[in-house]
ModelCIF file with pLDDT and N, C-alpha, C, O atoms, coordinates in Angstrom:
data_MODEL
#
_entry.id   MODEL 
#
_entity.id                         1 
_entity.type                       polymer 
_entity.pdbx_number_of_molecules   1 
#
_entity_poly.entity_id                      1 
_entity_poly.type                           'polypeptide(L)' 
_entity_poly.nstd_linkage                   no 
_entity_poly.nstd_monomer                   no 
_entity_poly.pdbx_seq_one_letter_code       
;(UNK)(UNK)(UNK)(UNK)(UNK)(UNK)(UNK)(UNK)(UNK)(UNK)(UNK)(UNK)(UNK)(UNK)(UNK)(UNK)
(UNK)(UNK)(UNK)(UNK)(UNK)(UNK)(UNK)(UNK)(UNK)(UNK)(UNK)(UNK)(UNK)(UNK)(UNK)(UNK)
(UNK)(UNK)(UNK)(UNK)(UNK)(UNK)(UNK)(UNK)(UNK)(UNK)(UNK)(UNK)(UNK)(UNK)(UNK)(UNK)
;
_entity_poly.pdbx_seq_one_letter_code_can   XXXXXXXXXXXXXXXXXXXXXXXXXXXXXXXXXXXXXXXXXXXXXXXX 
_entity_poly.pdbx_strand_id                 A 
#
loop_
_entity_poly_seq.entity_id 
_entity_poly_seq.num 
_entity_poly_seq.mon_id 
_entity_poly_seq.hetero 
1 1  UNK n 
1 2  UNK n 
1 3  UNK n 
1 4  UNK n 
1 5  UNK n 
1 6  UNK n 
1 7  UNK n 
1 8  UNK n 
1 9  UNK n 
1 10 UNK n 
1 11 UNK n 
1 12 UNK n 
1 13 UNK n 
1 14 UNK n 
1 15 UNK n 
1 16 UNK n 
1 17 UNK n 
1 18 UNK n 
1 19 UNK n 
1 20 UNK n 
1 21 UNK n 
1 22 UNK n 
1 23 UNK n 
1 24 UNK n 
1 25 UNK n 
1 26 UNK n 
1 27 UNK n 
1 28 UNK n 
1 29 UNK n 
1 30 UNK n 
1 31 UNK n 
1 32 UNK n 
1 33 UNK n 
1 34 UNK n 
1 35 UNK n 
1 36 UNK n 
1 37 UNK n 
1 38 UNK n 
1 39 UNK n 
1 40 UNK n 
1 41 UNK n 
1 42 UNK n 
1 43 UNK n 
1 44 UNK n 
1 45 UNK n 
1 46 UNK n 
1 47 UNK n 
1 48 UNK n 
#
_struct_asym.id          A 
_struct_asym.entity_id   1 
#
loop_
_ma_qa_metric.id 
_ma_qa_metric.mode 
_ma_qa_metric.name 
_ma_qa_metric.software_group_id 
_ma_qa_metric.type 
1 global pLDDT . pLDDT 
2 local  pLDDT . pLDDT 
#
_ma_qa_metric_global.metric_id      1 
_ma_qa_metric_global.metric_value   96.42 
_ma_qa_metric_global.model_id       1 
_ma_qa_metric_global.ordinal_id     1 
#
loop_
_ma_qa_metric_local.label_asym_id 
_ma_qa_metric_local.label_comp_id 
_ma_qa_metric_local.label_seq_id 
_ma_qa_metric_local.metric_id 
_ma_qa_metric_local.metric_value 
_ma_qa_metric_local.model_id 
_ma_qa_metric_local.ordinal_id 
A UNK 1  2 98.00 1 1  
A UNK 2  2 98.00 1 2  
A UNK 3  2 98.00 1 3  
A UNK 4  2 98.00 1 4  
A UNK 5  2 98.00 1 5  
A UNK 6  2 98.00 1 6  
A UNK 7  2 98.00 1 7  
A UNK 8  2 98.00 1 8  
A UNK 9  2 98.00 1 9  
A UNK 10 2 98.00 1 10 
A UNK 11 2 98.00 1 11 
A UNK 12 2 98.00 1 12 
A UNK 13 2 97.00 1 13 
A UNK 14 2 96.00 1 14 
A UNK 15 2 96.00 1 15 
A UNK 16 2 96.00 1 16 
A UNK 17 2 96.00 1 17 
A UNK 18 2 95.00 1 18 
A UNK 19 2 95.00 1 19 
A UNK 20 2 96.00 1 20 
A UNK 21 2 95.00 1 21 
A UNK 22 2 94.00 1 22 
A UNK 23 2 96.00 1 23 
A UNK 24 2 96.00 1 24 
A UNK 25 2 95.00 1 25 
A UNK 26 2 96.00 1 26 
A UNK 27 2 97.00 1 27 
A UNK 28 2 97.00 1 28 
A UNK 29 2 96.00 1 29 
A UNK 30 2 97.00 1 30 
A UNK 31 2 98.00 1 31 
A UNK 32 2 98.00 1 32 
A UNK 33 2 98.00 1 33 
A UNK 34 2 98.00 1 34 
A UNK 35 2 98.00 1 35 
A UNK 36 2 98.00 1 36 
A UNK 37 2 98.00 1 37 
A UNK 38 2 98.00 1 38 
A UNK 39 2 98.00 1 39 
A UNK 40 2 97.00 1 40 
A UNK 41 2 97.00 1 41 
A UNK 42 2 97.00 1 42 
A UNK 43 2 96.00 1 43 
A UNK 44 2 95.00 1 44 
A UNK 45 2 94.00 1 45 
A UNK 46 2 94.00 1 46 
A UNK 47 2 89.00 1 47 
A UNK 48 2 85.00 1 48 
#
loop_
_atom_site.group_PDB 
_atom_site.id 
_atom_site.type_symbol 
_atom_site.label_atom_id 
_atom_site.label_alt_id 
_atom_site.label_comp_id 
_atom_site.label_asym_id 
_atom_site.label_entity_id 
_atom_site.label_seq_id 
_atom_site.pdbx_PDB_ins_code 
_atom_site.Cartn_x 
_atom_site.Cartn_y 
_atom_site.Cartn_z 
_atom_site.occupancy 
_atom_site.B_iso_or_equiv 
_atom_site.pdbx_formal_charge 
_atom_site.auth_seq_id 
_atom_site.auth_comp_id 
_atom_site.auth_asym_id 
_atom_site.auth_atom_id 
_atom_site.pdbx_PDB_model_num 
ATOM 1   N N  . UNK A 1 1  ? 0.986  -1.315  0.253  1.00 98.00 ? 1  UNK A N  1 
ATOM 2   C CA . UNK A 1 1  ? -0.305 0.083   -0.026 1.00 98.00 ? 1  UNK A CA 1 
ATOM 3   C C  . UNK A 1 1  ? 0.730  1.419   0.150  1.00 98.00 ? 1  UNK A C  1 
ATOM 4   O O  . UNK A 1 1  ? 0.185  2.522   0.200  1.00 98.00 ? 1  UNK A O  1 
ATOM 5   N N  . UNK A 1 2  ? 2.281  1.344   0.250  1.00 98.00 ? 2  UNK A N  1 
ATOM 6   C CA . UNK A 1 2  ? 3.004  2.450   0.387  1.00 98.00 ? 2  UNK A CA 1 
ATOM 7   C C  . UNK A 1 2  ? 3.036  3.240   -0.950 1.00 98.00 ? 2  UNK A C  1 
ATOM 8   O O  . UNK A 1 2  ? 3.348  4.422   -0.811 1.00 98.00 ? 2  UNK A O  1 
ATOM 9   N N  . UNK A 1 3  ? 2.770  2.816   -2.253 1.00 98.00 ? 3  UNK A N  1 
ATOM 10  C CA . UNK A 1 3  ? 2.700  3.156   -3.359 1.00 98.00 ? 3  UNK A CA 1 
ATOM 11  C C  . UNK A 1 3  ? 1.803  4.419   -3.630 1.00 98.00 ? 3  UNK A C  1 
ATOM 12  O O  . UNK A 1 3  ? 1.963  5.262   -4.512 1.00 98.00 ? 3  UNK A O  1 
ATOM 13  N N  . UNK A 1 4  ? 0.529  4.341   -2.383 1.00 98.00 ? 4  UNK A N  1 
ATOM 14  C CA . UNK A 1 4  ? -0.093 5.450   -2.495 1.00 98.00 ? 4  UNK A CA 1 
ATOM 15  C C  . UNK A 1 4  ? 0.496  6.814   -2.572 1.00 98.00 ? 4  UNK A C  1 
ATOM 16  O O  . UNK A 1 4  ? 0.172  7.802   -3.231 1.00 98.00 ? 4  UNK A O  1 
ATOM 17  N N  . UNK A 1 5  ? 1.573  6.567   -1.610 1.00 98.00 ? 5  UNK A N  1 
ATOM 18  C CA . UNK A 1 5  ? 2.229  7.737   -0.868 1.00 98.00 ? 5  UNK A CA 1 
ATOM 19  C C  . UNK A 1 5  ? 3.744  7.953   -1.822 1.00 98.00 ? 5  UNK A C  1 
ATOM 20  O O  . UNK A 1 5  ? 4.563  8.864   -1.702 1.00 98.00 ? 5  UNK A O  1 
ATOM 21  N N  . UNK A 1 6  ? 3.764  7.089   -2.528 1.00 98.00 ? 6  UNK A N  1 
ATOM 22  C CA . UNK A 1 6  ? 4.945  7.452   -3.961 1.00 98.00 ? 6  UNK A CA 1 
ATOM 23  C C  . UNK A 1 6  ? 6.208  7.097   -2.865 1.00 98.00 ? 6  UNK A C  1 
ATOM 24  O O  . UNK A 1 6  ? 7.090  7.945   -2.733 1.00 98.00 ? 6  UNK A O  1 
ATOM 25  N N  . UNK A 1 7  ? 6.279  5.854   -2.097 1.00 98.00 ? 7  UNK A N  1 
ATOM 26  C CA . UNK A 1 7  ? 7.125  5.392   -0.975 1.00 98.00 ? 7  UNK A CA 1 
ATOM 27  C C  . UNK A 1 7  ? 7.221  4.144   -1.562 1.00 98.00 ? 7  UNK A C  1 
ATOM 28  O O  . UNK A 1 7  ? 6.403  3.666   -2.349 1.00 98.00 ? 7  UNK A O  1 
ATOM 29  N N  . UNK A 1 8  ? 8.530  3.478   -1.048 1.00 98.00 ? 8  UNK A N  1 
ATOM 30  C CA . UNK A 1 8  ? 8.448  1.727   -1.176 1.00 98.00 ? 8  UNK A CA 1 
ATOM 31  C C  . UNK A 1 8  ? 7.940  1.092   -0.074 1.00 98.00 ? 8  UNK A C  1 
ATOM 32  O O  . UNK A 1 8  ? 7.964  1.681   1.007  1.00 98.00 ? 8  UNK A O  1 
ATOM 33  N N  . UNK A 1 9  ? 7.364  -0.301  -0.192 1.00 98.00 ? 9  UNK A N  1 
ATOM 34  C CA . UNK A 1 9  ? 6.905  -0.958  0.846  1.00 98.00 ? 9  UNK A CA 1 
ATOM 35  C C  . UNK A 1 9  ? 8.261  -1.590  1.869  1.00 98.00 ? 9  UNK A C  1 
ATOM 36  O O  . UNK A 1 9  ? 9.462  -1.674  1.611  1.00 98.00 ? 9  UNK A O  1 
ATOM 37  N N  . UNK A 1 10 ? 7.661  -1.885  2.821  1.00 98.00 ? 10 UNK A N  1 
ATOM 38  C CA . UNK A 1 10 ? 8.725  -2.788  3.595  1.00 98.00 ? 10 UNK A CA 1 
ATOM 39  C C  . UNK A 1 10 ? 8.561  -4.169  3.612  1.00 98.00 ? 10 UNK A C  1 
ATOM 40  O O  . UNK A 1 10 ? 7.507  -4.791  3.481  1.00 98.00 ? 10 UNK A O  1 
ATOM 41  N N  . UNK A 1 11 ? 10.053 -4.742  3.841  1.00 98.00 ? 11 UNK A N  1 
ATOM 42  C CA . UNK A 1 11 ? 10.113 -5.870  3.874  1.00 98.00 ? 11 UNK A CA 1 
ATOM 43  C C  . UNK A 1 11 ? 11.260 -6.142  4.578  1.00 98.00 ? 11 UNK A C  1 
ATOM 44  O O  . UNK A 1 11 ? 12.384 -5.679  4.383  1.00 98.00 ? 11 UNK A O  1 
ATOM 45  N N  . UNK A 1 12 ? 10.716 -7.317  5.824  1.00 98.00 ? 12 UNK A N  1 
ATOM 46  C CA . UNK A 1 12 ? 11.489 -7.523  6.873  1.00 98.00 ? 12 UNK A CA 1 
ATOM 47  C C  . UNK A 1 12 ? 11.810 -8.682  6.983  1.00 98.00 ? 12 UNK A C  1 
ATOM 48  O O  . UNK A 1 12 ? 10.921 -9.366  7.491  1.00 98.00 ? 12 UNK A O  1 
ATOM 49  N N  . UNK A 1 13 ? 13.102 -9.441  6.612  1.00 97.00 ? 13 UNK A N  1 
ATOM 50  C CA . UNK A 1 13 ? 13.133 -10.971 6.254  1.00 97.00 ? 13 UNK A CA 1 
ATOM 51  C C  . UNK A 1 13 ? 13.821 -11.545 7.465  1.00 97.00 ? 13 UNK A C  1 
ATOM 52  O O  . UNK A 1 13 ? 14.223 -10.728 8.292  1.00 97.00 ? 13 UNK A O  1 
ATOM 53  N N  . UNK A 1 14 ? 14.038 -12.967 7.720  1.00 96.00 ? 14 UNK A N  1 
ATOM 54  C CA . UNK A 1 14 ? 14.630 -13.521 8.249  1.00 96.00 ? 14 UNK A CA 1 
ATOM 55  C C  . UNK A 1 14 ? 14.312 -13.638 9.952  1.00 96.00 ? 14 UNK A C  1 
ATOM 56  O O  . UNK A 1 14 ? 15.099 -13.772 10.889 1.00 96.00 ? 14 UNK A O  1 
ATOM 57  N N  . UNK A 1 15 ? 13.026 -13.543 9.927  1.00 96.00 ? 15 UNK A N  1 
ATOM 58  C CA . UNK A 1 15 ? 12.487 -12.861 11.489 1.00 96.00 ? 15 UNK A CA 1 
ATOM 59  C C  . UNK A 1 15 ? 12.484 -13.922 12.180 1.00 96.00 ? 15 UNK A C  1 
ATOM 60  O O  . UNK A 1 15 ? 11.819 -14.822 11.667 1.00 96.00 ? 15 UNK A O  1 
ATOM 61  N N  . UNK A 1 16 ? 13.197 -14.285 13.603 1.00 96.00 ? 16 UNK A N  1 
ATOM 62  C CA . UNK A 1 16 ? 12.676 -15.341 14.201 1.00 96.00 ? 16 UNK A CA 1 
ATOM 63  C C  . UNK A 1 16 ? 11.296 -15.503 14.859 1.00 96.00 ? 16 UNK A C  1 
ATOM 64  O O  . UNK A 1 16 ? 10.856 -14.448 15.317 1.00 96.00 ? 16 UNK A O  1 
ATOM 65  N N  . UNK A 1 17 ? 10.518 -16.580 15.009 1.00 96.00 ? 17 UNK A N  1 
ATOM 66  C CA . UNK A 1 17 ? 9.108  -16.078 15.532 1.00 96.00 ? 17 UNK A CA 1 
ATOM 67  C C  . UNK A 1 17 ? 8.947  -15.186 16.715 1.00 96.00 ? 17 UNK A C  1 
ATOM 68  O O  . UNK A 1 17 ? 7.940  -14.479 16.761 1.00 96.00 ? 17 UNK A O  1 
ATOM 69  N N  . UNK A 1 18 ? 9.859  -15.138 17.717 1.00 95.00 ? 18 UNK A N  1 
ATOM 70  C CA . UNK A 1 18 ? 9.516  -14.658 19.119 1.00 95.00 ? 18 UNK A CA 1 
ATOM 71  C C  . UNK A 1 18 ? 10.234 -13.250 18.666 1.00 95.00 ? 18 UNK A C  1 
ATOM 72  O O  . UNK A 1 18 ? 10.746 -12.666 19.622 1.00 95.00 ? 18 UNK A O  1 
ATOM 73  N N  . UNK A 1 19 ? 10.353 -12.679 17.570 1.00 95.00 ? 19 UNK A N  1 
ATOM 74  C CA . UNK A 1 19 ? 10.411 -11.176 16.965 1.00 95.00 ? 19 UNK A CA 1 
ATOM 75  C C  . UNK A 1 19 ? 9.661  -10.952 16.164 1.00 95.00 ? 19 UNK A C  1 
ATOM 76  O O  . UNK A 1 19 ? 9.959  -9.851  15.701 1.00 95.00 ? 19 UNK A O  1 
ATOM 77  N N  . UNK A 1 20 ? 8.473  -11.502 15.488 1.00 96.00 ? 20 UNK A N  1 
ATOM 78  C CA . UNK A 1 20 ? 7.566  -11.435 14.691 1.00 96.00 ? 20 UNK A CA 1 
ATOM 79  C C  . UNK A 1 20 ? 6.839  -9.726  15.106 1.00 96.00 ? 20 UNK A C  1 
ATOM 80  O O  . UNK A 1 20 ? 6.666  -8.714  14.426 1.00 96.00 ? 20 UNK A O  1 
ATOM 81  N N  . UNK A 1 21 ? 6.549  -10.090 16.613 1.00 95.00 ? 21 UNK A N  1 
ATOM 82  C CA . UNK A 1 21 ? 5.850  -8.626  17.093 1.00 95.00 ? 21 UNK A CA 1 
ATOM 83  C C  . UNK A 1 21 ? 6.590  -7.091  16.847 1.00 95.00 ? 21 UNK A C  1 
ATOM 84  O O  . UNK A 1 21 ? 6.120  -6.020  16.464 1.00 95.00 ? 21 UNK A O  1 
ATOM 85  N N  . UNK A 1 22 ? 8.131  -7.551  17.299 1.00 94.00 ? 22 UNK A N  1 
ATOM 86  C CA . UNK A 1 22 ? 8.929  -6.352  17.069 1.00 94.00 ? 22 UNK A CA 1 
ATOM 87  C C  . UNK A 1 22 ? 9.161  -5.886  15.879 1.00 94.00 ? 22 UNK A C  1 
ATOM 88  O O  . UNK A 1 22 ? 9.412  -4.703  15.649 1.00 94.00 ? 22 UNK A O  1 
ATOM 89  N N  . UNK A 1 23 ? 9.069  -7.117  14.723 1.00 96.00 ? 23 UNK A N  1 
ATOM 90  C CA . UNK A 1 23 ? 9.376  -6.777  13.401 1.00 96.00 ? 23 UNK A CA 1 
ATOM 91  C C  . UNK A 1 23 ? 7.839  -6.015  12.686 1.00 96.00 ? 23 UNK A C  1 
ATOM 92  O O  . UNK A 1 23 ? 7.855  -5.351  11.650 1.00 96.00 ? 23 UNK A O  1 
ATOM 93  N N  . UNK A 1 24 ? 6.608  -6.296  13.497 1.00 96.00 ? 24 UNK A N  1 
ATOM 94  C CA . UNK A 1 24 ? 5.241  -5.832  12.589 1.00 96.00 ? 24 UNK A CA 1 
ATOM 95  C C  . UNK A 1 24 ? 5.483  -4.167  13.465 1.00 96.00 ? 24 UNK A C  1 
ATOM 96  O O  . UNK A 1 24 ? 5.140  -3.127  12.904 1.00 96.00 ? 24 UNK A O  1 
ATOM 97  N N  . UNK A 1 25 ? 6.077  -4.170  14.796 1.00 95.00 ? 25 UNK A N  1 
ATOM 98  C CA . UNK A 1 25 ? 5.991  -2.697  15.049 1.00 95.00 ? 25 UNK A CA 1 
ATOM 99  C C  . UNK A 1 25 ? 7.099  -1.725  14.264 1.00 95.00 ? 25 UNK A C  1 
ATOM 100 O O  . UNK A 1 25 ? 6.752  -0.601  13.903 1.00 95.00 ? 25 UNK A O  1 
ATOM 101 N N  . UNK A 1 26 ? 8.669  -2.299  13.980 1.00 96.00 ? 26 UNK A N  1 
ATOM 102 C CA . UNK A 1 26 ? 9.033  -1.677  13.211 1.00 96.00 ? 26 UNK A CA 1 
ATOM 103 C C  . UNK A 1 26 ? 8.495  -1.456  11.849 1.00 96.00 ? 26 UNK A C  1 
ATOM 104 O O  . UNK A 1 26 ? 8.366  -0.260  11.588 1.00 96.00 ? 26 UNK A O  1 
ATOM 105 N N  . UNK A 1 27 ? 8.108  -2.359  10.809 1.00 97.00 ? 27 UNK A N  1 
ATOM 106 C CA . UNK A 1 27 ? 7.389  -1.819  10.095 1.00 97.00 ? 27 UNK A CA 1 
ATOM 107 C C  . UNK A 1 27 ? 6.482  -0.764  10.066 1.00 97.00 ? 27 UNK A C  1 
ATOM 108 O O  . UNK A 1 27 ? 6.543  0.227   9.338  1.00 97.00 ? 27 UNK A O  1 
ATOM 109 N N  . UNK A 1 28 ? 5.676  -1.022  10.862 1.00 97.00 ? 28 UNK A N  1 
ATOM 110 C CA . UNK A 1 28 ? 4.485  0.214   11.143 1.00 97.00 ? 28 UNK A CA 1 
ATOM 111 C C  . UNK A 1 28 ? 5.424  1.384   11.548 1.00 97.00 ? 28 UNK A C  1 
ATOM 112 O O  . UNK A 1 28 ? 5.077  2.387   10.924 1.00 97.00 ? 28 UNK A O  1 
ATOM 113 N N  . UNK A 1 29 ? 6.555  1.646   12.413 1.00 96.00 ? 29 UNK A N  1 
ATOM 114 C CA . UNK A 1 29 ? 7.206  2.873   12.578 1.00 96.00 ? 29 UNK A CA 1 
ATOM 115 C C  . UNK A 1 29 ? 7.555  3.491   11.181 1.00 96.00 ? 29 UNK A C  1 
ATOM 116 O O  . UNK A 1 29 ? 7.391  4.691   10.960 1.00 96.00 ? 29 UNK A O  1 
ATOM 117 N N  . UNK A 1 30 ? 8.165  2.395   10.017 1.00 97.00 ? 30 UNK A N  1 
ATOM 118 C CA . UNK A 1 30 ? 8.713  3.067   8.742  1.00 97.00 ? 30 UNK A CA 1 
ATOM 119 C C  . UNK A 1 30 ? 7.273  3.547   7.964  1.00 97.00 ? 30 UNK A C  1 
ATOM 120 O O  . UNK A 1 30 ? 7.249  4.658   7.434  1.00 97.00 ? 30 UNK A O  1 
ATOM 121 N N  . UNK A 1 31 ? 6.183  2.741   7.923  1.00 98.00 ? 31 UNK A N  1 
ATOM 122 C CA . UNK A 1 31 ? 4.932  2.991   7.340  1.00 98.00 ? 31 UNK A CA 1 
ATOM 123 C C  . UNK A 1 31 ? 4.446  4.467   7.478  1.00 98.00 ? 31 UNK A C  1 
ATOM 124 O O  . UNK A 1 31 ? 4.162  5.220   6.547  1.00 98.00 ? 31 UNK A O  1 
ATOM 125 N N  . UNK A 1 32 ? 4.389  4.817   9.192  1.00 98.00 ? 32 UNK A N  1 
ATOM 126 C CA . UNK A 1 32 ? 3.898  6.110   9.248  1.00 98.00 ? 32 UNK A CA 1 
ATOM 127 C C  . UNK A 1 32 ? 5.023  7.043   8.877  1.00 98.00 ? 32 UNK A C  1 
ATOM 128 O O  . UNK A 1 32 ? 4.668  8.181   8.570  1.00 98.00 ? 32 UNK A O  1 
ATOM 129 N N  . UNK A 1 33 ? 6.490  6.740   8.843  1.00 98.00 ? 33 UNK A N  1 
ATOM 130 C CA . UNK A 1 33 ? 7.733  7.808   8.624  1.00 98.00 ? 33 UNK A CA 1 
ATOM 131 C C  . UNK A 1 33 ? 7.581  8.114   7.113  1.00 98.00 ? 33 UNK A C  1 
ATOM 132 O O  . UNK A 1 33 ? 7.902  9.181   6.591  1.00 98.00 ? 33 UNK A O  1 
ATOM 133 N N  . UNK A 1 34 ? 7.063  7.064   6.490  1.00 98.00 ? 34 UNK A N  1 
ATOM 134 C CA . UNK A 1 34 ? 7.231  7.645   4.807  1.00 98.00 ? 34 UNK A CA 1 
ATOM 135 C C  . UNK A 1 34 ? 5.957  7.956   4.474  1.00 98.00 ? 34 UNK A C  1 
ATOM 136 O O  . UNK A 1 34 ? 5.768  8.639   3.467  1.00 98.00 ? 34 UNK A O  1 
ATOM 137 N N  . UNK A 1 35 ? 4.585  7.393   5.465  1.00 98.00 ? 35 UNK A N  1 
ATOM 138 C CA . UNK A 1 35 ? 3.386  8.409   5.032  1.00 98.00 ? 35 UNK A CA 1 
ATOM 139 C C  . UNK A 1 35 ? 3.615  9.819   5.559  1.00 98.00 ? 35 UNK A C  1 
ATOM 140 O O  . UNK A 1 35 ? 2.995  10.686  4.944  1.00 98.00 ? 35 UNK A O  1 
ATOM 141 N N  . UNK A 1 36 ? 4.437  10.260  6.649  1.00 98.00 ? 36 UNK A N  1 
ATOM 142 C CA . UNK A 1 36 ? 4.801  11.544  6.621  1.00 98.00 ? 36 UNK A CA 1 
ATOM 143 C C  . UNK A 1 36 ? 5.725  12.081  5.684  1.00 98.00 ? 36 UNK A C  1 
ATOM 144 O O  . UNK A 1 36 ? 6.149  13.236  5.634  1.00 98.00 ? 36 UNK A O  1 
ATOM 145 N N  . UNK A 1 37 ? 5.918  11.385  5.152  1.00 98.00 ? 37 UNK A N  1 
ATOM 146 C CA . UNK A 1 37 ? 7.034  12.349  3.794  1.00 98.00 ? 37 UNK A CA 1 
ATOM 147 C C  . UNK A 1 37 ? 8.393  11.703  3.593  1.00 98.00 ? 37 UNK A C  1 
ATOM 148 O O  . UNK A 1 37 ? 9.062  11.662  2.561  1.00 98.00 ? 37 UNK A O  1 
ATOM 149 N N  . UNK A 1 38 ? 8.760  11.027  5.231  1.00 98.00 ? 38 UNK A N  1 
ATOM 150 C CA . UNK A 1 38 ? 10.258 10.633  5.008  1.00 98.00 ? 38 UNK A CA 1 
ATOM 151 C C  . UNK A 1 38 ? 10.862 9.700   4.161  1.00 98.00 ? 38 UNK A C  1 
ATOM 152 O O  . UNK A 1 38 ? 10.267 8.702   3.752  1.00 98.00 ? 38 UNK A O  1 
ATOM 153 N N  . UNK A 1 39 ? 12.043 9.986   3.873  1.00 98.00 ? 39 UNK A N  1 
ATOM 154 C CA . UNK A 1 39 ? 12.587 8.905   2.981  1.00 98.00 ? 39 UNK A CA 1 
ATOM 155 C C  . UNK A 1 39 ? 14.065 8.068   3.542  1.00 98.00 ? 39 UNK A C  1 
ATOM 156 O O  . UNK A 1 39 ? 15.089 8.492   4.077  1.00 98.00 ? 39 UNK A O  1 
ATOM 157 N N  . UNK A 1 40 ? 13.710 6.985   3.219  1.00 97.00 ? 40 UNK A N  1 
ATOM 158 C CA . UNK A 1 40 ? 14.523 5.857   3.642  1.00 97.00 ? 40 UNK A CA 1 
ATOM 159 C C  . UNK A 1 40 ? 15.817 5.643   2.628  1.00 97.00 ? 40 UNK A C  1 
ATOM 160 O O  . UNK A 1 40 ? 15.792 4.931   1.624  1.00 97.00 ? 40 UNK A O  1 
ATOM 161 N N  . UNK A 1 41 ? 16.479 6.090   2.903  1.00 97.00 ? 41 UNK A N  1 
ATOM 162 C CA . UNK A 1 41 ? 17.775 5.732   1.868  1.00 97.00 ? 41 UNK A CA 1 
ATOM 163 C C  . UNK A 1 41 ? 18.500 4.741   1.747  1.00 97.00 ? 41 UNK A C  1 
ATOM 164 O O  . UNK A 1 41 ? 18.445 3.888   2.633  1.00 97.00 ? 41 UNK A O  1 
ATOM 165 N N  . UNK A 1 42 ? 19.261 4.586   0.784  1.00 97.00 ? 42 UNK A N  1 
ATOM 166 C CA . UNK A 1 42 ? 19.377 2.877   0.416  1.00 97.00 ? 42 UNK A CA 1 
ATOM 167 C C  . UNK A 1 42 ? 20.771 3.037   1.488  1.00 97.00 ? 42 UNK A C  1 
ATOM 168 O O  . UNK A 1 42 ? 21.423 4.078   1.575  1.00 97.00 ? 42 UNK A O  1 
ATOM 169 N N  . UNK A 1 43 ? 21.084 1.662   2.334  1.00 96.00 ? 43 UNK A N  1 
ATOM 170 C CA . UNK A 1 43 ? 22.111 1.670   3.389  1.00 96.00 ? 43 UNK A CA 1 
ATOM 171 C C  . UNK A 1 43 ? 21.925 2.315   4.629  1.00 96.00 ? 43 UNK A C  1 
ATOM 172 O O  . UNK A 1 43 ? 22.902 2.693   5.275  1.00 96.00 ? 43 UNK A O  1 
ATOM 173 N N  . UNK A 1 44 ? 20.507 2.517   5.117  1.00 95.00 ? 44 UNK A N  1 
ATOM 174 C CA . UNK A 1 44 ? 20.463 3.292   5.886  1.00 95.00 ? 44 UNK A CA 1 
ATOM 175 C C  . UNK A 1 44 ? 20.655 2.238   7.033  1.00 95.00 ? 44 UNK A C  1 
ATOM 176 O O  . UNK A 1 44 ? 20.376 1.118   6.604  1.00 95.00 ? 44 UNK A O  1 
ATOM 177 N N  . UNK A 1 45 ? 20.961 2.227   8.086  1.00 94.00 ? 45 UNK A N  1 
ATOM 178 C CA . UNK A 1 45 ? 21.235 1.349   9.117  1.00 94.00 ? 45 UNK A CA 1 
ATOM 179 C C  . UNK A 1 45 ? 20.256 1.412   10.290 1.00 94.00 ? 45 UNK A C  1 
ATOM 180 O O  . UNK A 1 45 ? 20.058 2.580   10.625 1.00 94.00 ? 45 UNK A O  1 
ATOM 181 N N  . UNK A 1 46 ? 19.673 0.635   10.922 1.00 94.00 ? 46 UNK A N  1 
ATOM 182 C CA . UNK A 1 46 ? 18.271 0.464   11.392 1.00 94.00 ? 46 UNK A CA 1 
ATOM 183 C C  . UNK A 1 46 ? 18.818 -0.348  12.981 1.00 94.00 ? 46 UNK A C  1 
ATOM 184 O O  . UNK A 1 46 ? 19.317 -1.473  13.028 1.00 94.00 ? 46 UNK A O  1 
ATOM 185 N N  . UNK A 1 47 ? 18.641 0.282   13.817 1.00 89.00 ? 47 UNK A N  1 
ATOM 186 C CA . UNK A 1 47 ? 19.102 -0.594  15.191 1.00 89.00 ? 47 UNK A CA 1 
ATOM 187 C C  . UNK A 1 47 ? 17.863 -0.899  15.796 1.00 89.00 ? 47 UNK A C  1 
ATOM 188 O O  . UNK A 1 47 ? 16.882 -0.167  15.666 1.00 89.00 ? 47 UNK A O  1 
ATOM 189 N N  . UNK A 1 48 ? 17.861 -1.892  16.420 1.00 85.00 ? 48 UNK A N  1 
ATOM 190 C CA . UNK A 1 48 ? 16.728 -2.205  17.161 1.00 85.00 ? 48 UNK A CA 1 
ATOM 191 C C  . UNK A 1 48 ? 16.895 -2.565  18.212 1.00 85.00 ? 48 UNK A C  1 
ATOM 192 O O  . UNK A 1 48 ? 15.935 -2.860  18.924 1.00 85.00 ? 48 UNK A O  1 
#
């Protein structure tokens, strides 16, 4: 759905079962950031 906002969608791979909720929250944070107009640069480091 991020194409509505002229932004790429989010893909998080290799997520262990116990981290699925945390990965979902991280995806939602990126959704909100990009909907607000933010841009995720190539190579941007994400710490959890």
